[in-house]
């Protein structure tokens, strides 16, 4: 029943925009993004019953949503968003990673939140949202166009949360957030706390740090700490992050594993070339989603403002991101954290509207 606490609230508040005075400055904007790729995949040895290689289509995070903005109050701006995942390869409303399936259902909204911002006191966001730890630590390296973007992290992307963000002071912005991390019975609704601090040194140089105090009621899940940096001189962009899981389970032998990522990109004319390498220490820590080595190279071509084409190569040492061709759950082709030496060559398109 916990899932009913925030989603209906967000939906009710969005619906409430319709009851605002006719003269109010209300702006409602539908939006969407169609993202699909064709891929050629191979692993050293697949799970029983699966082929070691295949070609096929895969969605790359298509979505459909609507945003409503209301700024008729003095000093306050109110924004509400509802956004659903669209698996274009299967023609279904579902998250193509199936991560959401273990939380509250795979066809639930990607985003369903209300944000109230004050020009002096910051903002409060409530509902299903992108999380503070991910935004400050993992997002600066989540810039590829294919389905395989953003996997080399231990961060959780989206959950129900209540978040406060300060206004920027001297380039510093702080965030504190209560998160419903697991939706498990026996834990508080907002069972996890996240804290983040970002510092914009200049328009081209920024740092972020984050800490997650995981599932405070049971203390079974590992806490997380991370730091990121991004530098964009001219047409270049460089980003790096380091994350560490802080184990709370006394039975874990290889505790407190560390993850490292380094990304670089260069843009010219309508093209952007990106490359990233990542390493996650191998461990028996159950919360260490990403382990082993990973590498990714991609080329984007922006044909128009709304239409982009991309080609990428992705490699994983241990199974975690390369799925079976007809997955209906999180199901790596080689098996989860099993020796994979998996490779993907993919080309695709993205159309925003």
Protein backbone atom coordinates (compact mmCIF):
# COMPACT_ATOMS: atom_id res chain seq x y z
CA UNK A 1 0.00 0.00 0.00
CA UNK A 2 2.97 2.33 0.40
CA UNK A 3 3.13 3.06 -3.31
CA UNK A 4 -0.17 4.93 -3.00
CA UNK A 5 1.27 7.65 -0.79
CA UNK A 6 3.16 9.72 -3.34
CA UNK A 7 1.94 8.79 -6.83
CA UNK A 8 -1.74 9.69 -6.25
CA UNK A 9 -0.58 12.87 -4.51
CA UNK A 10 1.43 13.86 -7.57
CA UNK A 11 -1.44 12.97 -9.89
CA UNK A 12 -3.93 14.90 -7.76
CA UNK A 13 -1.72 17.98 -7.68
CA UNK A 14 -1.22 17.88 -11.42
CA UNK A 15 -4.96 17.59 -11.91
CA UNK A 16 -5.36 20.51 -9.54
CA UNK A 17 -3.60 22.78 -12.01
CA UNK A 18 -6.79 22.65 -14.08
CA UNK A 19 -8.69 24.30 -11.22
CA UNK A 20 -6.42 27.37 -11.11
CA UNK A 21 -7.91 30.73 -12.13
CA UNK A 22 -8.31 31.20 -15.86
CA UNK A 23 -6.06 34.29 -15.81
CA UNK A 24 -3.24 32.39 -14.09
CA UNK A 25 0.02 31.93 -15.95
CA UNK A 26 -0.30 28.16 -16.50
CA UNK A 27 1.78 26.44 -19.17
CA UNK A 28 1.16 22.77 -20.03
CA UNK A 29 3.71 21.11 -22.33
CA UNK A 30 3.55 17.53 -23.62
CA UNK A 31 6.84 16.00 -24.67
CA UNK A 32 8.37 12.71 -25.71
CA UNK A 33 11.44 10.98 -27.04
CA UNK A 34 11.56 7.96 -29.36
CA UNK A 35 14.88 6.12 -28.95
CA UNK A 36 15.56 2.78 -30.62
CA UNK A 37 18.63 0.85 -31.73
CA UNK A 38 19.57 -2.24 -33.68
CA UNK A 39 22.38 -4.25 -32.10
CA UNK A 40 24.73 -7.14 -32.72
CA UNK A 41 25.61 -8.86 -29.42
CA UNK A 42 28.04 -11.61 -28.47
CA UNK A 43 29.29 -13.16 -25.21
CA UNK A 44 31.82 -15.94 -24.57
CA UNK A 45 29.17 -18.25 -23.15
CA UNK A 46 25.47 -17.56 -22.71
CA UNK A 47 23.12 -18.91 -20.06
CA UNK A 48 21.62 -22.36 -20.78
CA UNK A 49 18.99 -22.12 -23.48
CA UNK A 50 20.37 -18.86 -24.91
CA UNK A 51 22.54 -18.28 -28.01
CA UNK A 52 26.01 -16.78 -27.53
CA UNK A 53 25.21 -14.07 -30.10
CA UNK A 54 22.19 -12.40 -31.66
CA UNK A 55 21.04 -9.36 -33.62
CA UNK A 56 17.86 -7.47 -32.88
CA UNK A 57 16.12 -4.27 -31.80
CA UNK A 58 16.25 -2.72 -28.34
CA UNK A 59 14.68 0.40 -26.92
CA UNK A 60 17.07 3.09 -25.65
CA UNK A 61 14.85 4.79 -23.03
CA UNK A 62 11.92 6.20 -24.99
CA UNK A 63 9.48 8.18 -22.89
CA UNK A 64 6.25 10.19 -23.08
CA UNK A 65 5.29 12.86 -20.59
CA UNK A 66 3.67 16.17 -19.77
CA UNK A 67 4.92 19.10 -17.71
CA UNK A 68 2.71 21.79 -16.16
CA UNK A 69 4.22 25.07 -14.93
CA UNK A 70 2.49 27.69 -12.84
CA UNK A 71 4.31 30.87 -11.79
CA UNK A 72 1.52 33.29 -10.89
CA UNK A 73 2.53 33.36 -7.22
CA UNK A 74 4.98 36.05 -6.15
CA UNK A 75 8.46 34.48 -5.63
CA UNK A 76 7.13 30.91 -6.19
CA UNK A 77 7.21 28.66 -9.24
CA UNK A 78 5.33 25.33 -9.27
CA UNK A 79 6.16 22.57 -11.76
CA UNK A 80 4.53 19.17 -12.07
CA UNK A 81 5.68 16.31 -14.31
CA UNK A 82 4.30 12.89 -15.20
CA UNK A 83 6.43 10.76 -17.53
CA UNK A 84 5.98 7.14 -18.59
CA UNK A 85 8.58 4.79 -20.07
CA UNK A 86 7.88 3.46 -23.57
CA UNK A 87 9.61 0.28 -24.73
CA UNK A 88 9.49 1.01 -28.46
CA UNK A 89 11.00 -2.36 -29.43
CA UNK A 90 8.16 -4.25 -27.67
CA UNK A 91 5.46 -1.58 -28.17
CA UNK A 92 4.68 -1.52 -24.45
CA UNK A 93 4.71 1.06 -21.67
CA UNK A 94 7.57 -0.36 -19.59
CA UNK A 95 11.12 0.31 -18.45
CA UNK A 96 13.45 -1.51 -20.92
CA UNK A 97 16.00 -2.19 -18.15
CA UNK A 98 13.34 -3.84 -15.93
CA UNK A 99 14.97 -2.26 -12.86
CA UNK A 100 11.61 -0.75 -11.93
CA UNK A 101 10.06 -4.22 -11.86
CA UNK A 102 11.65 -5.06 -8.50
CA UNK A 103 10.42 -1.79 -6.98
CA UNK A 104 6.77 -1.09 -7.73
CA UNK A 105 6.10 -2.50 -11.18
CA UNK A 106 7.74 -2.10 -14.54
CA UNK A 107 5.07 0.09 -16.13
CA UNK A 108 4.94 2.71 -13.38
CA UNK A 109 5.87 6.34 -14.22
CA UNK A 110 9.54 7.16 -14.66
CA UNK A 111 8.75 10.54 -13.10
CA UNK A 112 5.64 11.74 -11.24
CA UNK A 113 6.55 14.72 -9.10
CA UNK A 114 5.75 18.24 -7.96
CA UNK A 115 8.49 20.86 -7.50
CA UNK A 116 7.89 24.11 -5.61
CA UNK A 117 10.75 26.60 -6.03
CA UNK A 118 11.30 29.89 -4.21
CA UNK A 119 13.75 32.43 -5.58
CA UNK A 120 15.40 32.91 -2.16
CA UNK A 121 14.80 29.70 -0.20
CA UNK A 122 15.38 26.93 -2.73
CA UNK A 123 13.01 24.16 -3.80
CA UNK A 124 11.07 21.18 -2.47
CA UNK A 125 10.31 18.21 -4.74
CA UNK A 126 7.94 15.36 -3.86
CA UNK A 127 7.13 12.22 -5.86
CA UNK A 128 8.90 9.79 -8.17
CA UNK A 129 12.07 11.59 -9.24
CA UNK A 130 15.71 11.39 -10.26
CA UNK A 131 17.71 11.03 -7.05
CA UNK A 132 20.19 13.44 -5.50
CA UNK A 133 23.08 10.94 -5.30
CA UNK A 134 22.72 9.96 -8.96
CA UNK A 135 22.35 13.59 -10.11
CA UNK A 136 25.56 14.71 -8.41
CA UNK A 137 27.80 11.63 -8.73
CA UNK A 138 26.70 9.38 -11.63
CA UNK A 139 24.90 11.73 -14.05
CA UNK A 140 28.03 13.65 -15.20
CA UNK A 141 29.14 10.42 -16.97
CA UNK A 142 25.72 9.25 -18.19
CA UNK A 143 26.03 10.89 -21.63
CA UNK A 144 25.90 8.06 -24.18
CA UNK A 145 22.91 7.66 -26.48
CA UNK A 146 22.36 3.89 -26.47
CA UNK A 147 20.66 1.51 -24.05
CA UNK A 148 24.09 0.89 -22.46
CA UNK A 149 24.51 4.41 -21.11
CA UNK A 150 24.89 4.90 -17.38
CA UNK A 151 25.26 1.28 -16.26
CA UNK A 152 28.74 1.53 -14.71
CA UNK A 153 27.60 2.82 -11.32
CA UNK A 154 26.20 1.54 -8.03
CA UNK A 155 23.68 4.41 -7.85
CA UNK A 156 19.91 4.01 -7.94
CA UNK A 157 18.44 6.28 -10.62
CA UNK A 158 14.81 7.00 -9.65
CA UNK A 159 12.59 6.38 -6.62
CA UNK A 160 9.85 8.04 -4.60
CA UNK A 161 11.47 10.79 -2.56
CA UNK A 162 11.00 14.05 -0.69
CA UNK A 163 13.88 16.40 -1.57
CA UNK A 164 15.01 19.87 -0.53
CA UNK A 165 17.60 21.77 -2.59
CA UNK A 166 19.12 25.06 -1.48
CA UNK A 167 19.58 28.02 -3.81
CA UNK A 168 23.09 28.40 -5.21
CA UNK A 169 25.37 30.43 -2.95
CA UNK A 170 28.80 31.22 -4.30
CA UNK A 171 28.50 28.30 -6.69
CA UNK A 172 27.57 25.82 -3.92
CA UNK A 173 24.24 23.96 -3.92
CA UNK A 174 23.24 21.46 -1.22
CA UNK A 175 20.54 18.77 -1.37
CA UNK A 176 18.99 16.53 1.28
CA UNK A 177 16.50 13.83 0.34
CA UNK A 178 14.43 11.14 2.04
CA UNK A 179 14.11 8.17 -0.34
CA UNK A 180 11.90 5.08 -0.50
CA UNK A 181 14.79 2.88 -1.64
CA UNK A 182 13.36 -0.63 -1.48
CA UNK A 183 9.61 -0.42 -0.82
CA UNK A 184 10.03 -3.36 1.56
CA UNK A 185 7.63 -4.20 4.36
CA UNK A 186 9.02 -3.55 7.80
CA UNK A 187 10.87 -0.38 6.79
CA UNK A 188 9.80 3.24 6.97
CA UNK A 189 8.36 4.76 3.81
CA UNK A 190 11.32 7.12 3.33
CA UNK A 191 13.81 4.58 4.63
CA UNK A 192 17.00 6.04 3.13
CA UNK A 193 18.65 9.46 3.34
CA UNK A 194 20.74 11.02 0.59
CA UNK A 195 22.94 14.09 0.94
CA UNK A 196 24.69 15.90 -1.91
CA UNK A 197 26.75 19.02 -2.50
CA UNK A 198 27.69 20.50 -5.87
CA UNK A 199 30.16 23.29 -6.61
CA UNK A 200 30.18 25.14 -9.94
CA UNK A 201 33.65 26.72 -10.02
CA UNK A 202 33.06 28.23 -13.46
CA UNK A 203 30.63 27.61 -16.31
CA UNK A 204 32.96 24.83 -17.52
CA UNK A 205 34.17 23.24 -14.25
CA UNK A 206 31.98 21.57 -11.61
CA UNK A 207 32.34 19.09 -8.75
CA UNK A 208 29.78 16.96 -6.95
CA UNK A 209 29.80 14.76 -3.86
CA UNK A 210 27.11 12.49 -2.51
CA UNK A 211 26.40 10.19 0.43
CA UNK A 212 23.61 7.65 0.85
CA UNK A 213 22.63 6.35 4.29
CA UNK A 214 20.86 3.22 3.10
CA UNK A 215 17.73 1.65 4.59
CA UNK A 216 18.13 2.97 8.11
CA UNK A 217 15.59 0.59 9.69
CA UNK A 218 17.41 -2.65 8.84
CA UNK A 219 21.01 -1.56 8.10
CA UNK A 220 21.38 -4.49 5.68
CA UNK A 221 22.13 -2.53 2.53
CA UNK A 222 25.49 -0.85 1.98
CA UNK A 223 25.82 2.90 2.34
CA UNK A 224 27.32 4.79 -0.60
CA UNK A 225 29.75 7.67 -1.02
CA UNK A 226 30.90 9.23 -4.26
CA UNK A 227 32.59 12.22 -5.86
CA UNK A 228 32.54 13.48 -9.44
CA UNK A 229 34.19 16.18 -11.52
CA UNK A 230 33.33 17.55 -14.98
CA UNK A 231 35.38 19.97 -17.10
CA UNK A 232 34.27 21.32 -20.49
CA UNK A 233 37.00 23.41 -22.17
CA UNK A 234 35.75 24.47 -25.60
CA UNK A 235 34.61 21.51 -27.71
CA UNK A 236 36.07 19.02 -25.22
CA UNK A 237 34.40 17.50 -22.18
CA UNK A 238 36.00 15.36 -19.49
CA UNK A 239 34.30 13.75 -16.50
CA UNK A 240 35.39 11.34 -13.76
CA UNK A 241 33.86 9.76 -10.69
CA UNK A 242 34.83 7.52 -7.80
CA UNK A 243 32.23 5.63 -5.75
CA UNK A 244 32.57 3.41 -2.70
CA UNK A 245 30.05 1.09 -1.12
CA UNK A 246 30.30 1.07 2.69
CA UNK A 247 29.30 -2.45 3.73
CA UNK A 248 26.92 -2.97 6.65
CA UNK A 249 26.77 -6.77 6.40
CA UNK A 250 29.29 -8.54 8.66
CA UNK A 251 29.25 -11.67 6.46
CA UNK A 252 30.75 -9.84 3.43
CA UNK A 253 34.39 -10.79 2.86
CA UNK A 254 35.44 -8.27 0.18
CA UNK A 255 33.77 -5.25 1.73
CA UNK A 256 33.71 -1.56 0.75
CA UNK A 257 34.31 -2.02 -3.03
CA UNK A 258 35.31 1.00 -5.14
CA UNK A 259 34.17 1.96 -8.65
CA UNK A 260 36.14 4.24 -11.01
CA UNK A 261 34.98 5.91 -14.25
CA UNK A 262 36.63 8.25 -16.76
CA UNK A 263 34.85 9.80 -19.74
CA UNK A 264 36.00 12.11 -22.52
CA UNK A 265 34.20 13.61 -25.51
CA UNK A 266 34.87 15.98 -28.40
CA UNK A 267 32.24 17.81 -30.50
CA UNK A 268 32.66 19.33 -33.96
CA UNK A 269 30.09 20.47 -36.51
CA UNK A 270 27.17 18.03 -36.01
CA UNK A 271 29.27 15.22 -34.52
CA UNK A 272 30.19 14.18 -30.97
CA UNK A 273 32.70 11.42 -30.21
CA UNK A 274 32.68 9.88 -26.71
CA UNK A 275 34.75 7.27 -24.91
CA UNK A 276 34.55 5.88 -21.37
CA UNK A 277 36.40 3.29 -19.31
CA UNK A 278 35.20 1.98 -15.96
CA UNK A 279 36.28 -0.50 -13.31
CA UNK A 280 34.34 -1.95 -10.39
CA UNK A 281 36.19 -3.96 -7.77
CA UNK A 282 35.03 -7.58 -7.57
CA UNK A 283 33.28 -8.37 -4.30
CA UNK A 284 30.67 -10.51 -2.60
CA UNK A 285 28.87 -7.33 -1.50
CA UNK A 286 25.29 -7.83 -2.72
CA UNK A 287 24.77 -4.15 -3.54
CA UNK A 288 27.74 -4.03 -5.93
CA UNK A 289 25.75 -4.10 -9.17
CA UNK A 290 28.69 -3.15 -11.41
CA UNK A 291 31.89 -5.21 -11.16
CA UNK A 292 34.85 -5.84 -13.45
CA UNK A 293 35.99 -3.75 -16.42
CA UNK A 294 33.78 -1.94 -18.88
CA UNK A 295 34.46 0.23 -21.94
CA UNK A 296 32.30 2.24 -24.33
CA UNK A 297 32.89 4.31 -27.50
CA UNK A 298 30.17 6.23 -29.34
CA UNK A 299 29.66 8.65 -32.22
CA UNK A 300 26.57 10.88 -32.45
CA UNK A 301 25.38 12.77 -35.52
CA UNK A 302 22.74 15.46 -34.93
CA UNK A 303 20.87 15.63 -38.22
CA UNK A 304 18.40 18.24 -37.00
CA UNK A 305 17.60 19.85 -33.67
CA UNK A 306 15.17 17.01 -32.91
CA UNK A 307 16.71 14.04 -34.75
CA UNK A 308 20.00 12.35 -33.85
CA UNK A 309 21.67 9.17 -35.09
CA UNK A 310 24.27 7.24 -33.10
CA UNK A 311 26.68 4.31 -33.35
CA UNK A 312 28.35 2.70 -30.31
CA UNK A 313 30.57 -0.12 -29.15
CA UNK A 314 30.18 -1.52 -25.62
CA UNK A 315 32.28 -4.09 -23.72
CA UNK A 316 31.68 -5.77 -20.36
CA UNK A 317 34.04 -8.16 -18.56
CA UNK A 318 31.37 -9.57 -16.20
CA UNK A 319 27.69 -9.88 -17.09
CA UNK A 320 25.55 -6.93 -16.00
CA UNK A 321 24.33 -4.85 -18.95
CA UNK A 322 24.06 -7.14 -21.99
CA UNK A 323 20.61 -8.72 -21.75
CA UNK A 324 19.04 -11.77 -23.37
CA UNK A 325 17.27 -10.77 -26.61
CA UNK A 326 13.75 -11.23 -25.22
CA UNK A 327 14.23 -10.24 -21.59
CA UNK A 328 11.14 -9.66 -19.51
CA UNK A 329 13.20 -9.00 -16.39
CA UNK A 330 16.77 -8.03 -15.52
CA UNK A 331 18.51 -11.02 -17.14
CA UNK A 332 22.09 -10.67 -18.45
CA UNK A 333 22.87 -12.97 -21.38
CA UNK A 334 25.95 -14.52 -19.75
CA UNK A 335 24.44 -14.44 -16.26
CA UNK A 336 24.76 -11.78 -13.59
CA UNK A 337 28.43 -11.12 -12.68
CA UNK A 338 29.47 -14.23 -14.63
CA UNK A 339 32.49 -14.07 -16.96
CA UNK A 340 31.05 -12.50 -20.11
CA UNK A 341 33.64 -10.71 -22.27
CA UNK A 342 30.49 -9.41 -23.92
CA UNK A 343 30.52 -7.05 -26.87
CA UNK A 344 27.82 -4.95 -28.52
CA UNK A 345 27.87 -3.03 -31.80
CA UNK A 346 24.82 -0.84 -32.10
CA UNK A 347 23.38 1.88 -34.33
CA UNK A 348 20.23 3.80 -33.57
CA UNK A 349 18.22 6.99 -33.67
CA UNK A 350 16.65 9.42 -31.23
CA UNK A 351 13.76 11.74 -32.10
CA UNK A 352 12.66 14.29 -29.52
CA UNK A 353 9.30 16.01 -29.70
